[in-house]
C-alpha cells in the first residue's frame, strides 16, 4: 500500500513538472535573431576577377571583384575571404587624337557571410594607358580598397 501511494505521488509530481515546463515554454516569446553590427567605414581589400580593357567597356558596365582577406568585427568574420564584390565602370576615355586611354571604376557592394549585400564607398580607381597609343587595362588582381558606406546589421 505504501509503495502504491509512493508511486502515485511520484507520477503526479513528474506529470505536474512536465506540464509546467511545457506551459512556460509555450508562454515565452520567440527570441529575435542575433545580429552583428558592422560599423560605418569598415575597411576591406578587394581585387579584380578579370582583366578589363578600355576599348571593350562602357560607362555603367558591372565588374566583379573578390575579397582578399576575412573582414572581422569583434573577432567574428562578417565578410569572408573570397566573397563576391561588384563594382561599376564610371568613366571611360578611349585613345584618340593623341589622348591616352583611361578607365575609372569604383567598388559598389560586397557579400556578407549571411548572403546580404553591403554597400561600399571607394575612391574611384583610375587606370591609364602607359602611352598615348595603347589601351588602358586593369589586370586580374588589381587591388582596390573600399569601406562600408553605412552601418550594417547582418545575421550572426
Protein backbone atom coordinates (compact mmCIF):
# COMPACT_ATOMS: atom_id res chain seq x y z
CA UNK A 1 0.00 0.00 0.00
CA UNK A 2 2.81 2.41 0.83
CA UNK A 3 4.64 1.52 -2.39
CA UNK A 4 1.48 2.12 -4.42
CA UNK A 5 0.89 5.52 -2.79
CA UNK A 6 4.54 6.49 -3.27
CA UNK A 7 4.44 5.66 -6.98
CA UNK A 8 1.18 7.60 -7.41
CA UNK A 9 2.70 10.68 -5.76
CA UNK A 10 5.90 10.39 -7.80
CA UNK A 11 3.89 10.04 -11.02
CA UNK A 12 1.74 13.08 -10.18
CA UNK A 13 4.84 15.16 -9.37
CA UNK A 14 6.50 14.15 -12.63
CA UNK A 15 3.36 14.89 -14.65
CA UNK A 16 2.92 18.30 -12.98
CA UNK A 17 6.56 19.19 -13.62
CA UNK A 18 6.29 18.25 -17.30
CA UNK A 19 3.08 20.24 -17.80
CA UNK A 20 4.56 23.27 -16.01
CA UNK A 21 7.70 23.16 -18.21
CA UNK A 22 5.63 22.88 -21.40
CA UNK A 23 3.35 25.75 -20.33
CA UNK A 24 6.36 28.00 -19.62
CA UNK A 25 7.98 27.12 -22.95
CA UNK A 26 4.77 27.98 -24.82
CA UNK A 27 4.41 31.28 -22.93
CA UNK A 28 7.95 32.52 -23.75
CA UNK A 29 8.09 34.69 -26.87
CA UNK A 30 10.45 33.58 -29.64
CA UNK A 31 13.91 35.14 -29.45
CA UNK A 32 14.77 37.62 -32.20
CA UNK A 33 17.70 36.61 -34.40
CA UNK A 34 21.12 37.75 -33.23
CA UNK A 35 22.84 40.43 -35.34
CA UNK A 36 26.39 41.64 -35.77
CA UNK A 37 26.79 45.37 -36.35
CA UNK A 38 29.33 46.33 -39.00
CA UNK A 39 30.38 49.94 -38.34
CA UNK A 40 30.38 52.66 -41.00
CA UNK A 41 33.78 52.83 -42.67
CA UNK A 42 34.86 49.23 -42.01
CA UNK A 43 37.79 48.71 -44.40
CA UNK A 44 38.27 45.85 -46.84
CA UNK A 45 40.55 44.98 -49.75
CA UNK A 46 39.20 43.52 -52.97
CA UNK A 47 40.77 42.58 -56.29
CA UNK A 48 39.52 42.31 -59.86
CA UNK A 49 38.43 38.84 -61.01
CA UNK A 50 39.14 39.50 -64.70
CA UNK A 51 41.17 41.87 -66.82
CA UNK A 52 39.22 44.83 -68.21
CA UNK A 53 40.09 46.88 -71.31
CA UNK A 54 39.01 50.45 -72.05
CA UNK A 55 38.25 49.64 -75.69
CA UNK A 56 35.75 46.93 -74.65
CA UNK A 57 33.91 48.80 -71.88
CA UNK A 58 31.15 51.36 -71.50
CA UNK A 59 30.18 53.56 -68.57
CA UNK A 60 27.80 51.61 -66.33
CA UNK A 61 29.28 48.15 -67.07
CA UNK A 62 29.46 45.93 -64.00
CA UNK A 63 32.76 44.40 -62.94
CA UNK A 64 33.45 41.67 -60.39
CA UNK A 65 35.92 41.50 -57.53
CA UNK A 66 36.77 39.07 -54.77
CA UNK A 67 37.60 39.87 -51.15
CA UNK A 68 41.30 39.44 -50.39
CA UNK A 69 41.03 38.64 -46.67
CA UNK A 70 38.50 37.99 -43.91
CA UNK A 71 36.82 41.11 -42.55
CA UNK A 72 36.20 40.79 -38.80
CA UNK A 73 34.10 42.68 -36.28
CA UNK A 74 34.62 41.76 -32.61
CA UNK A 75 36.63 38.72 -33.74
CA UNK A 76 33.74 37.40 -35.87
CA UNK A 77 34.09 37.06 -39.64
CA UNK A 78 31.46 39.28 -41.29
CA UNK A 79 32.83 39.13 -44.86
CA UNK A 80 34.80 36.02 -45.77
CA UNK A 81 37.97 35.84 -47.84
CA UNK A 82 37.00 35.12 -51.46
CA UNK A 83 33.48 36.60 -51.15
CA UNK A 84 32.00 38.24 -54.21
CA UNK A 85 32.05 42.00 -54.65
CA UNK A 86 30.77 44.11 -57.51
CA UNK A 87 31.75 47.44 -58.98
CA UNK A 88 30.94 49.74 -61.85
CA UNK A 89 32.77 51.48 -64.68
CA UNK A 90 32.21 55.19 -64.01
CA UNK A 91 34.31 56.76 -66.78
CA UNK A 92 35.98 55.61 -69.99
CA UNK A 93 38.28 57.57 -72.22
CA UNK A 94 39.29 55.75 -75.37
CA UNK A 95 42.57 56.58 -77.10
CA UNK A 96 42.18 59.04 -79.97
CA UNK A 97 43.85 62.15 -81.34
CA UNK A 98 46.85 61.84 -79.05
CA UNK A 99 44.81 61.38 -75.84
CA UNK A 100 45.66 58.44 -73.63
CA UNK A 101 43.13 55.76 -72.87
CA UNK A 102 41.76 55.66 -69.31
CA UNK A 103 39.37 53.55 -67.19
CA UNK A 104 37.77 54.72 -63.94
CA UNK A 105 35.84 52.30 -61.74
CA UNK A 106 34.52 52.01 -58.21
CA UNK A 107 33.58 49.20 -55.83
CA UNK A 108 29.84 49.19 -55.07
CA UNK A 109 28.80 46.13 -53.00
CA UNK A 110 30.20 43.11 -51.18
CA UNK A 111 28.52 39.92 -49.98
CA UNK A 112 28.42 39.35 -46.20
CA UNK A 113 28.51 35.92 -44.53
CA UNK A 114 24.71 35.88 -44.22
CA UNK A 115 24.33 36.39 -48.00
CA UNK A 116 23.23 40.01 -47.78
CA UNK A 117 24.89 42.68 -49.91
CA UNK A 118 26.65 45.56 -48.16
CA UNK A 119 27.06 48.90 -49.94
CA UNK A 120 30.61 50.16 -50.29
CA UNK A 121 32.29 53.52 -50.61
CA UNK A 122 35.51 53.57 -52.61
CA UNK A 123 37.72 56.20 -54.12
CA UNK A 124 37.45 55.96 -57.91
CA UNK A 125 40.26 53.74 -59.18
CA UNK A 126 41.88 55.18 -62.34
CA UNK A 127 43.94 53.12 -64.75
CA UNK A 128 45.74 54.94 -67.59
CA UNK A 129 47.41 53.50 -70.67
CA UNK A 130 51.20 53.62 -70.41
CA UNK A 131 51.41 55.57 -73.65
CA UNK A 132 49.00 57.51 -75.83
CA UNK A 133 48.93 54.75 -78.45
CA UNK A 134 47.76 51.90 -76.21
CA UNK A 135 44.54 50.93 -74.49
CA UNK A 136 44.17 51.19 -70.73
CA UNK A 137 43.61 47.90 -68.97
CA UNK A 138 43.25 46.82 -65.37
CA UNK A 139 44.74 43.38 -64.75
CA UNK A 140 43.42 40.47 -62.72
CA UNK A 141 44.10 41.04 -59.01
CA UNK A 142 44.24 44.82 -59.34
CA UNK A 143 43.86 45.86 -55.71
CA UNK A 144 41.06 48.22 -54.67
CA UNK A 145 40.41 49.48 -51.15
CA UNK A 146 36.87 50.19 -50.02
CA UNK A 147 34.85 50.91 -46.87
CA UNK A 148 31.33 50.11 -45.80
CA UNK A 149 29.05 53.01 -46.70
CA UNK A 150 26.57 52.65 -43.81
CA UNK A 151 26.26 50.81 -40.53
CA UNK A 152 25.07 47.31 -41.44
CA UNK A 153 23.32 44.65 -39.39
CA UNK A 154 23.92 41.08 -40.51
CA UNK A 155 22.64 37.83 -39.05
CA UNK A 156 25.02 36.14 -36.64
